[in-house]
N, C-alpha and C. Protein backbone atom coordinates (compact mmCIF):
# COMPACT_ATOMS: atom_id res chain seq x y z
N MET A 1 0.80 -1.20 0.00
CA MET A 1 0.00 0.00 0.00
C MET A 1 0.84 1.27 0.00
N PRO A 2 1.89 1.38 0.75
CA PRO A 2 2.65 2.61 0.75
C PRO A 2 3.20 2.94 -0.63
N MET A 3 3.52 1.91 -1.44
CA MET A 3 4.06 2.16 -2.78
C MET A 3 3.00 2.81 -3.68
N ARG A 4 1.77 2.36 -3.55
CA ARG A 4 0.68 2.90 -4.36
C ARG A 4 0.45 4.36 -3.98
N GLU A 5 0.48 4.71 -2.74
CA GLU A 5 0.29 6.09 -2.30
C GLU A 5 1.42 6.98 -2.81
N ALA A 6 2.61 6.48 -2.84
CA ALA A 6 3.74 7.26 -3.34
C ALA A 6 3.59 7.53 -4.82
N ARG A 7 3.12 6.54 -5.57
CA ARG A 7 2.91 6.73 -7.01
C ARG A 7 1.82 7.76 -7.27
N GLN A 8 0.79 7.75 -6.49
CA GLN A 8 -0.30 8.70 -6.68
C GLN A 8 0.17 10.12 -6.38
N ARG A 9 1.01 10.29 -5.37
CA ARG A 9 1.52 11.61 -5.04
C ARG A 9 2.48 12.13 -6.10
N LEU A 10 3.32 11.28 -6.63
CA LEU A 10 4.32 11.70 -7.62
C LEU A 10 3.74 11.82 -9.02
N GLY A 11 2.67 11.17 -9.30
CA GLY A 11 2.09 11.22 -10.63
C GLY A 11 2.73 10.18 -11.53
N PRO A 12 2.33 10.14 -12.79
CA PRO A 12 2.88 9.13 -13.69
C PRO A 12 4.35 9.40 -13.98
N ALA A 13 5.05 8.36 -14.28
CA ALA A 13 6.49 8.48 -14.59
C ALA A 13 6.66 9.17 -15.93
N THR A 14 7.63 10.08 -16.03
CA THR A 14 7.89 10.79 -17.28
C THR A 14 9.06 10.14 -17.99
N PRO A 15 8.98 10.05 -19.30
CA PRO A 15 10.10 9.45 -20.02
C PRO A 15 11.30 10.39 -20.00
N PRO A 16 12.50 9.85 -20.14
CA PRO A 16 13.70 10.69 -20.14
C PRO A 16 13.71 11.62 -21.35
N ALA A 17 14.33 12.79 -21.18
CA ALA A 17 14.39 13.79 -22.25
C ALA A 17 15.28 13.29 -23.37
N THR A 18 14.89 13.61 -24.60
CA THR A 18 15.71 13.27 -25.76
C THR A 18 16.40 14.51 -26.26
N HIS A 19 17.30 14.36 -27.22
CA HIS A 19 18.04 15.51 -27.73
C HIS A 19 17.12 16.51 -28.41
N GLY A 20 16.05 16.08 -29.00
CA GLY A 20 15.12 16.98 -29.67
C GLY A 20 14.44 17.92 -28.70
N ASP A 21 14.25 17.48 -27.46
CA ASP A 21 13.59 18.32 -26.48
C ASP A 21 14.49 19.44 -25.98
N THR A 22 15.80 19.23 -25.98
CA THR A 22 16.71 20.23 -25.43
C THR A 22 17.18 21.24 -26.47
N MET A 23 17.01 20.98 -27.74
CA MET A 23 17.46 21.89 -28.79
C MET A 23 16.44 23.01 -28.97
N LYS A 24 16.94 24.22 -29.12
CA LYS A 24 16.06 25.36 -29.37
C LYS A 24 15.88 25.51 -30.88
N SER A 25 14.71 25.94 -31.28
CA SER A 25 14.49 26.19 -32.69
C SER A 25 15.05 27.56 -33.05
N LEU A 26 15.57 27.68 -34.24
CA LEU A 26 16.17 28.93 -34.70
C LEU A 26 15.06 29.86 -35.19
N SER A 27 14.98 31.04 -34.59
CA SER A 27 13.98 32.01 -35.03
C SER A 27 14.68 33.34 -35.27
N PHE A 28 14.14 34.10 -36.21
CA PHE A 28 14.75 35.36 -36.61
C PHE A 28 13.81 36.51 -36.27
N ASP A 29 14.40 37.63 -35.89
CA ASP A 29 13.67 38.89 -35.79
C ASP A 29 13.55 39.39 -37.23
N THR A 30 12.35 39.36 -37.77
CA THR A 30 12.17 39.62 -39.20
C THR A 30 12.63 41.02 -39.61
N THR A 31 12.42 42.02 -38.76
CA THR A 31 12.83 43.38 -39.11
C THR A 31 14.34 43.47 -39.25
N ASN A 32 15.07 42.98 -38.24
CA ASN A 32 16.52 43.05 -38.30
C ASN A 32 17.09 42.13 -39.37
N ALA A 33 16.47 40.97 -39.58
CA ALA A 33 16.95 40.07 -40.62
C ALA A 33 16.80 40.72 -41.99
N LEU A 34 15.69 41.38 -42.23
CA LEU A 34 15.46 42.07 -43.50
C LEU A 34 16.45 43.21 -43.68
N CYS A 35 16.63 44.03 -42.64
CA CYS A 35 17.58 45.14 -42.72
C CYS A 35 19.01 44.65 -42.91
N GLY A 36 19.40 43.63 -42.16
CA GLY A 36 20.75 43.08 -42.29
C GLY A 36 20.99 42.49 -43.67
N GLY A 37 20.00 41.81 -44.20
CA GLY A 37 20.13 41.25 -45.54
C GLY A 37 20.25 42.33 -46.61
N ILE A 38 19.46 43.38 -46.49
CA ILE A 38 19.52 44.48 -47.46
C ILE A 38 20.87 45.20 -47.38
N LEU A 39 21.34 45.49 -46.15
CA LEU A 39 22.64 46.16 -46.01
C LEU A 39 23.77 45.30 -46.57
N THR A 40 23.72 44.01 -46.31
CA THR A 40 24.75 43.11 -46.82
C THR A 40 24.72 43.07 -48.35
N ALA A 41 23.53 42.97 -48.92
CA ALA A 41 23.42 42.93 -50.38
C ALA A 41 23.90 44.23 -51.02
N VAL A 42 23.52 45.36 -50.45
CA VAL A 42 23.96 46.65 -51.00
C VAL A 42 25.47 46.81 -50.86
N GLY A 43 26.02 46.41 -49.72
CA GLY A 43 27.46 46.48 -49.52
C GLY A 43 28.22 45.61 -50.50
N LEU A 44 27.73 44.40 -50.74
CA LEU A 44 28.39 43.52 -51.71
C LEU A 44 28.29 44.07 -53.12
N PHE A 45 27.14 44.66 -53.46
CA PHE A 45 26.98 45.25 -54.79
C PHE A 45 27.97 46.39 -55.00
N PHE A 46 28.11 47.29 -54.02
CA PHE A 46 29.02 48.41 -54.16
C PHE A 46 30.48 47.96 -54.12
N ALA A 47 30.78 46.92 -53.37
CA ALA A 47 32.14 46.37 -53.39
C ALA A 47 32.45 45.82 -54.78
N TRP A 48 31.50 45.13 -55.38
CA TRP A 48 31.69 44.58 -56.72
C TRP A 48 31.89 45.72 -57.73
N GLN A 49 31.13 46.79 -57.58
CA GLN A 49 31.27 47.93 -58.48
C GLN A 49 32.59 48.67 -58.27
N ALA A 50 33.08 48.70 -57.03
CA ALA A 50 34.34 49.39 -56.75
C ALA A 50 35.52 48.68 -57.39
N PHE A 51 35.40 47.38 -57.61
CA PHE A 51 36.49 46.64 -58.26
C PHE A 51 36.65 47.02 -59.73
N ASN A 52 35.65 47.71 -60.30
CA ASN A 52 35.78 48.19 -61.68
C ASN A 52 36.63 49.44 -61.76
N LEU A 53 36.92 50.05 -60.62
CA LEU A 53 37.76 51.25 -60.57
C LEU A 53 39.15 50.87 -60.10
N GLU A 54 40.11 51.75 -60.36
CA GLU A 54 41.48 51.51 -59.90
C GLU A 54 41.52 51.69 -58.38
N LEU A 55 42.02 50.68 -57.66
CA LEU A 55 42.04 50.72 -56.21
C LEU A 55 43.24 51.48 -55.66
N GLY A 56 44.42 51.23 -56.20
CA GLY A 56 45.62 51.86 -55.69
C GLY A 56 46.08 51.20 -54.41
N THR A 57 46.81 51.92 -53.58
CA THR A 57 47.30 51.41 -52.30
C THR A 57 46.84 52.34 -51.19
N ALA A 58 47.17 51.98 -49.96
CA ALA A 58 46.75 52.81 -48.83
C ALA A 58 47.45 54.17 -48.84
N PHE A 59 48.67 54.22 -49.37
CA PHE A 59 49.40 55.49 -49.44
C PHE A 59 49.10 56.26 -50.72
N ARG A 60 48.70 55.58 -51.74
CA ARG A 60 48.36 56.21 -53.03
C ARG A 60 47.01 55.67 -53.48
N MET A 61 45.97 56.21 -52.89
CA MET A 61 44.62 55.68 -53.13
C MET A 61 44.13 56.03 -54.52
N GLY A 62 43.49 55.04 -55.13
CA GLY A 62 42.85 55.26 -56.41
C GLY A 62 41.39 55.64 -56.19
N PRO A 63 40.64 55.87 -57.27
CA PRO A 63 39.24 56.29 -57.14
C PRO A 63 38.32 55.21 -56.58
N GLY A 64 38.76 53.95 -56.58
CA GLY A 64 37.92 52.89 -56.06
C GLY A 64 38.25 52.47 -54.64
N TYR A 65 39.31 53.02 -54.05
CA TYR A 65 39.76 52.58 -52.73
C TYR A 65 38.75 52.93 -51.64
N PHE A 66 38.37 54.18 -51.55
CA PHE A 66 37.45 54.61 -50.49
C PHE A 66 36.05 54.00 -50.66
N PRO A 67 35.48 53.96 -51.88
CA PRO A 67 34.19 53.28 -52.02
C PRO A 67 34.26 51.80 -51.63
N LEU A 68 35.37 51.13 -51.93
CA LEU A 68 35.52 49.74 -51.53
C LEU A 68 35.57 49.62 -50.01
N LEU A 69 36.29 50.52 -49.37
CA LEU A 69 36.38 50.51 -47.91
C LEU A 69 35.00 50.72 -47.28
N LEU A 70 34.24 51.67 -47.80
CA LEU A 70 32.89 51.91 -47.28
C LEU A 70 31.96 50.72 -47.55
N ALA A 71 32.12 50.09 -48.70
CA ALA A 71 31.29 48.93 -49.03
C ALA A 71 31.60 47.76 -48.10
N ILE A 72 32.86 47.58 -47.75
CA ILE A 72 33.24 46.51 -46.82
C ILE A 72 32.66 46.79 -45.44
N ILE A 73 32.72 48.04 -44.99
CA ILE A 73 32.15 48.40 -43.69
C ILE A 73 30.64 48.17 -43.70
N LEU A 74 29.96 48.56 -44.77
CA LEU A 74 28.52 48.37 -44.88
C LEU A 74 28.17 46.89 -44.87
N THR A 75 28.96 46.08 -45.58
CA THR A 75 28.72 44.63 -45.60
C THR A 75 28.90 44.03 -44.22
N LEU A 76 29.96 44.43 -43.52
CA LEU A 76 30.20 43.91 -42.18
C LEU A 76 29.09 44.31 -41.20
N LEU A 77 28.63 45.55 -41.28
CA LEU A 77 27.52 45.97 -40.43
C LEU A 77 26.25 45.19 -40.74
N GLY A 78 26.00 44.92 -42.02
CA GLY A 78 24.85 44.11 -42.40
C GLY A 78 24.93 42.71 -41.85
N ILE A 79 26.13 42.12 -41.88
CA ILE A 79 26.31 40.77 -41.35
C ILE A 79 26.10 40.76 -39.83
N VAL A 80 26.61 41.78 -39.14
CA VAL A 80 26.42 41.87 -37.69
C VAL A 80 24.94 41.97 -37.35
N ILE A 81 24.20 42.79 -38.09
CA ILE A 81 22.76 42.93 -37.84
C ILE A 81 22.03 41.63 -38.15
N LEU A 82 22.46 40.94 -39.20
CA LEU A 82 21.85 39.67 -39.58
C LEU A 82 22.09 38.62 -38.50
N VAL A 83 23.30 38.56 -37.95
CA VAL A 83 23.60 37.61 -36.88
C VAL A 83 22.81 37.96 -35.62
N GLN A 84 22.72 39.25 -35.30
CA GLN A 84 21.95 39.67 -34.13
C GLN A 84 20.47 39.33 -34.28
N SER A 85 19.96 39.32 -35.50
CA SER A 85 18.55 39.01 -35.70
C SER A 85 18.23 37.57 -35.33
N ALA A 86 19.24 36.68 -35.37
CA ALA A 86 19.01 35.29 -34.98
C ALA A 86 19.10 35.13 -33.47
N ARG A 87 19.73 36.06 -32.78
CA ARG A 87 19.94 35.94 -31.34
C ARG A 87 18.88 36.66 -30.52
N VAL A 88 18.32 37.72 -31.05
CA VAL A 88 17.40 38.56 -30.30
C VAL A 88 16.01 38.43 -30.90
N ARG A 89 15.05 38.24 -30.05
CA ARG A 89 13.67 38.15 -30.52
C ARG A 89 13.09 39.55 -30.56
N GLY A 90 12.57 39.96 -31.69
CA GLY A 90 12.07 41.32 -31.84
C GLY A 90 10.57 41.36 -32.07
N GLU A 91 10.12 42.54 -32.35
CA GLU A 91 8.71 42.76 -32.61
C GLU A 91 8.44 42.57 -34.10
N PRO A 92 7.23 42.23 -34.47
CA PRO A 92 6.91 42.12 -35.89
C PRO A 92 6.95 43.49 -36.57
N ILE A 93 7.11 43.48 -37.88
CA ILE A 93 7.15 44.72 -38.64
C ILE A 93 5.78 45.39 -38.54
N GLY A 94 5.78 46.66 -38.17
CA GLY A 94 4.54 47.39 -37.98
C GLY A 94 4.05 48.02 -39.29
N ALA A 95 3.11 48.89 -39.14
CA ALA A 95 2.54 49.58 -40.30
C ALA A 95 3.56 50.56 -40.89
N ILE A 96 3.46 50.81 -42.16
CA ILE A 96 4.34 51.75 -42.83
C ILE A 96 3.90 53.17 -42.48
N ALA A 97 4.86 54.00 -42.11
CA ALA A 97 4.57 55.38 -41.72
C ALA A 97 4.45 56.25 -42.98
N LEU A 98 3.26 56.29 -43.54
CA LEU A 98 3.05 57.05 -44.78
C LEU A 98 3.23 58.54 -44.57
N ARG A 99 2.79 59.05 -43.45
CA ARG A 99 2.93 60.49 -43.20
C ARG A 99 4.39 60.90 -43.20
N GLY A 100 5.24 60.10 -42.58
CA GLY A 100 6.67 60.38 -42.58
C GLY A 100 7.26 60.38 -43.98
N MET A 101 6.86 59.41 -44.78
CA MET A 101 7.39 59.35 -46.15
C MET A 101 6.89 60.52 -46.99
N ILE A 102 5.65 60.92 -46.77
CA ILE A 102 5.08 62.00 -47.57
C ILE A 102 5.78 63.33 -47.28
N PHE A 103 6.25 63.54 -46.05
CA PHE A 103 6.88 64.81 -45.71
C PHE A 103 8.41 64.75 -45.74
N ILE A 104 9.02 63.63 -45.37
CA ILE A 104 10.47 63.56 -45.31
C ILE A 104 11.09 63.41 -46.70
N LEU A 105 10.56 62.55 -47.53
CA LEU A 105 11.17 62.31 -48.84
C LEU A 105 11.18 63.54 -49.76
N PRO A 106 10.12 64.33 -49.84
CA PRO A 106 10.18 65.50 -50.72
C PRO A 106 10.99 66.67 -50.18
N ALA A 107 11.30 66.68 -48.88
CA ALA A 107 11.99 67.83 -48.29
C ALA A 107 13.37 68.08 -48.93
N PRO A 108 14.25 67.08 -49.04
CA PRO A 108 15.54 67.37 -49.69
C PRO A 108 15.41 67.66 -51.18
N VAL A 109 14.39 67.10 -51.81
CA VAL A 109 14.15 67.41 -53.23
C VAL A 109 13.76 68.88 -53.36
N PHE A 110 12.90 69.34 -52.47
CA PHE A 110 12.52 70.76 -52.46
C PHE A 110 13.75 71.64 -52.27
N PHE A 111 14.62 71.27 -51.33
CA PHE A 111 15.83 72.05 -51.09
C PHE A 111 16.70 72.11 -52.33
N GLY A 112 16.90 70.98 -52.97
CA GLY A 112 17.74 70.94 -54.17
C GLY A 112 17.18 71.76 -55.31
N LEU A 113 15.87 71.78 -55.44
CA LEU A 113 15.25 72.52 -56.53
C LEU A 113 15.16 74.03 -56.27
N THR A 114 15.20 74.44 -55.02
CA THR A 114 14.96 75.86 -54.72
C THR A 114 16.16 76.60 -54.14
N VAL A 115 17.26 75.92 -53.81
CA VAL A 115 18.36 76.59 -53.13
C VAL A 115 19.01 77.66 -54.00
N ARG A 116 19.06 77.48 -55.30
CA ARG A 116 19.65 78.50 -56.17
C ARG A 116 18.72 79.68 -56.39
N GLY A 117 17.43 79.42 -56.47
CA GLY A 117 16.48 80.50 -56.70
C GLY A 117 16.15 81.27 -55.43
N LEU A 118 15.83 80.55 -54.36
CA LEU A 118 15.47 81.21 -53.11
C LEU A 118 16.69 81.64 -52.30
N GLY A 119 17.75 80.88 -52.42
CA GLY A 119 18.93 81.11 -51.59
C GLY A 119 18.94 80.12 -50.44
N PHE A 120 20.04 80.10 -49.70
CA PHE A 120 20.24 79.11 -48.64
C PHE A 120 19.24 79.28 -47.50
N VAL A 121 19.04 80.50 -47.03
CA VAL A 121 18.21 80.73 -45.85
C VAL A 121 16.74 80.33 -46.09
N PRO A 122 16.06 80.87 -47.11
CA PRO A 122 14.65 80.47 -47.28
C PRO A 122 14.49 79.00 -47.67
N ALA A 123 15.40 78.47 -48.50
CA ALA A 123 15.28 77.07 -48.91
C ALA A 123 15.43 76.15 -47.71
N LEU A 124 16.39 76.44 -46.84
CA LEU A 124 16.59 75.60 -45.66
C LEU A 124 15.42 75.75 -44.68
N PHE A 125 14.93 76.96 -44.52
CA PHE A 125 13.80 77.17 -43.61
C PHE A 125 12.58 76.37 -44.06
N PHE A 126 12.23 76.46 -45.34
CA PHE A 126 11.03 75.75 -45.83
C PHE A 126 11.26 74.24 -45.89
N THR A 127 12.48 73.81 -46.14
CA THR A 127 12.79 72.38 -46.12
C THR A 127 12.59 71.83 -44.71
N ALA A 128 13.10 72.54 -43.72
CA ALA A 128 12.93 72.10 -42.33
C ALA A 128 11.46 72.14 -41.93
N LEU A 129 10.74 73.14 -42.40
CA LEU A 129 9.32 73.26 -42.09
C LEU A 129 8.53 72.09 -42.67
N ILE A 130 8.85 71.71 -43.90
CA ILE A 130 8.18 70.56 -44.52
C ILE A 130 8.48 69.29 -43.72
N ALA A 131 9.75 69.09 -43.37
CA ALA A 131 10.15 67.87 -42.65
C ALA A 131 9.56 67.82 -41.25
N CYS A 132 9.31 68.97 -40.63
CA CYS A 132 8.74 68.99 -39.28
C CYS A 132 7.38 68.30 -39.22
N PHE A 133 6.62 68.39 -40.26
CA PHE A 133 5.27 67.86 -40.22
C PHE A 133 5.20 66.36 -40.52
N ALA A 134 6.35 65.68 -40.51
CA ALA A 134 6.36 64.23 -40.62
C ALA A 134 5.80 63.61 -39.35
N SER A 135 5.91 64.32 -38.25
CA SER A 135 5.36 63.85 -36.98
C SER A 135 3.97 64.43 -36.78
N GLY A 136 3.05 63.60 -36.39
CA GLY A 136 1.69 64.05 -36.13
C GLY A 136 1.59 64.89 -34.87
N ARG A 137 2.61 64.82 -34.00
CA ARG A 137 2.59 65.56 -32.75
C ARG A 137 3.17 66.96 -32.88
N MET A 138 3.72 67.30 -34.03
CA MET A 138 4.35 68.62 -34.21
C MET A 138 3.28 69.69 -34.40
N LYS A 139 3.34 70.70 -33.57
CA LYS A 139 2.41 71.83 -33.65
C LYS A 139 3.00 72.89 -34.58
N PRO A 140 2.18 73.68 -35.26
CA PRO A 140 2.69 74.68 -36.21
C PRO A 140 3.66 75.69 -35.60
N LEU A 141 3.37 76.17 -34.40
CA LEU A 141 4.27 77.15 -33.77
C LEU A 141 5.62 76.52 -33.45
N MET A 142 5.61 75.28 -32.97
CA MET A 142 6.86 74.58 -32.67
C MET A 142 7.63 74.30 -33.96
N ALA A 143 6.93 73.99 -35.03
CA ALA A 143 7.59 73.74 -36.32
C ALA A 143 8.27 75.01 -36.83
N LEU A 144 7.61 76.15 -36.69
CA LEU A 144 8.22 77.42 -37.10
C LEU A 144 9.45 77.74 -36.26
N ALA A 145 9.36 77.53 -34.95
CA ALA A 145 10.49 77.81 -34.07
C ALA A 145 11.66 76.87 -34.36
N LEU A 146 11.38 75.60 -34.58
CA LEU A 146 12.44 74.64 -34.88
C LEU A 146 13.10 74.94 -36.22
N SER A 147 12.31 75.30 -37.22
CA SER A 147 12.85 75.64 -38.53
C SER A 147 13.72 76.89 -38.46
N ALA A 148 13.27 77.88 -37.72
CA ALA A 148 14.05 79.12 -37.56
C ALA A 148 15.36 78.86 -36.83
N ALA A 149 15.31 78.03 -35.78
CA ALA A 149 16.52 77.72 -35.02
C ALA A 149 17.51 76.93 -35.88
N LEU A 150 17.02 75.96 -36.63
CA LEU A 150 17.89 75.18 -37.51
C LEU A 150 18.51 76.06 -38.59
N THR A 151 17.73 76.96 -39.14
CA THR A 151 18.24 77.86 -40.17
C THR A 151 19.30 78.80 -39.60
N ALA A 152 19.04 79.38 -38.45
CA ALA A 152 20.00 80.29 -37.82
C ALA A 152 21.30 79.57 -37.48
N PHE A 153 21.20 78.36 -36.95
CA PHE A 153 22.39 77.58 -36.62
C PHE A 153 23.18 77.24 -37.88
N SER A 154 22.50 76.83 -38.94
CA SER A 154 23.18 76.46 -40.19
C SER A 154 23.86 77.65 -40.83
N VAL A 155 23.22 78.82 -40.82
CA VAL A 155 23.84 80.02 -41.37
C VAL A 155 25.06 80.41 -40.54
N ALA A 156 24.95 80.31 -39.23
CA ALA A 156 26.09 80.65 -38.36
C ALA A 156 27.26 79.72 -38.62
N VAL A 157 27.01 78.43 -38.76
CA VAL A 157 28.09 77.46 -38.96
C VAL A 157 28.66 77.55 -40.37
N PHE A 158 27.79 77.43 -41.39
CA PHE A 158 28.28 77.29 -42.76
C PHE A 158 28.67 78.62 -43.40
N SER A 159 27.93 79.68 -43.12
CA SER A 159 28.21 80.95 -43.76
C SER A 159 29.28 81.74 -42.99
N TYR A 160 29.05 81.94 -41.70
CA TYR A 160 29.98 82.75 -40.92
C TYR A 160 31.16 81.93 -40.39
N GLY A 161 30.89 80.76 -39.84
CA GLY A 161 31.95 79.96 -39.25
C GLY A 161 32.92 79.38 -40.27
N LEU A 162 32.38 78.71 -41.28
CA LEU A 162 33.23 78.08 -42.30
C LEU A 162 33.49 78.99 -43.50
N GLY A 163 32.71 80.04 -43.63
CA GLY A 163 32.90 80.98 -44.73
C GLY A 163 32.62 80.40 -46.10
N LEU A 164 31.65 79.49 -46.20
CA LEU A 164 31.32 78.89 -47.49
C LEU A 164 30.67 79.93 -48.40
N PRO A 165 31.08 79.94 -49.66
CA PRO A 165 30.57 80.97 -50.58
C PRO A 165 29.24 80.59 -51.22
N PHE A 166 28.16 80.83 -50.54
CA PHE A 166 26.84 80.62 -51.14
C PHE A 166 25.98 81.83 -50.86
N GLN A 167 24.96 81.98 -51.69
CA GLN A 167 24.06 83.12 -51.52
C GLN A 167 23.08 82.81 -50.39
N ARG A 168 23.00 83.72 -49.45
CA ARG A 168 22.04 83.52 -48.37
C ARG A 168 20.61 83.72 -48.89
N PHE A 169 20.43 84.70 -49.77
CA PHE A 169 19.13 84.96 -50.38
C PHE A 169 19.35 85.01 -51.89
N GLY A 170 18.52 84.28 -52.62
CA GLY A 170 18.71 84.16 -54.06
C GLY A 170 17.95 85.20 -54.86
N PRO A 171 17.96 85.06 -56.19
CA PRO A 171 17.31 86.03 -57.06
C PRO A 171 15.78 86.03 -56.96
N TRP A 172 15.18 84.98 -56.47
CA TRP A 172 13.72 84.96 -56.33
C TRP A 172 13.25 85.78 -55.13
N VAL A 173 14.15 86.02 -54.19
CA VAL A 173 13.82 86.78 -52.99
C VAL A 173 14.67 88.05 -53.02
N GLN A 174 14.05 89.18 -53.10
CA GLN A 174 14.77 90.45 -53.19
C GLN A 174 14.86 91.10 -51.80
N PHE A 175 16.08 91.13 -51.26
CA PHE A 175 16.33 91.82 -49.98
C PHE A 175 17.40 92.83 -50.19
């Protein structure tokens, strides 16, 4: 009788663990795996393209030396991100931020198209103003203040500090 009571308290006997039970399944963080794969592919493509140029040596660099160096760094960073994606469990890819793309992508295009006509100051101000509205939390007054501060800082650094020869105000704006 005591043996039966002991079996009831302990429950049924469990079979010994096999190797399949102790092995973890390999899972990837899809966001990092995708980013790491893209960076690796782009880095390899640019490395392949850099080999079409003369490389030179470290002391006498050719036109392909620095692009090859950057492509190798990009490839290595992509591989590191790809390896990390297998080690760290991440969140699934979320919704695409359309508002950000609608405001951020055209901002540098606007700057490039208007910097000669408007000049550096107005083109930079309006570019920053366009980019500010990529966030839904940005208020108009804060966007104006941020754009003005960024413009003032850029003029102080690039025009006065570095003395770069560009027109602050272009022919479209008469001051």
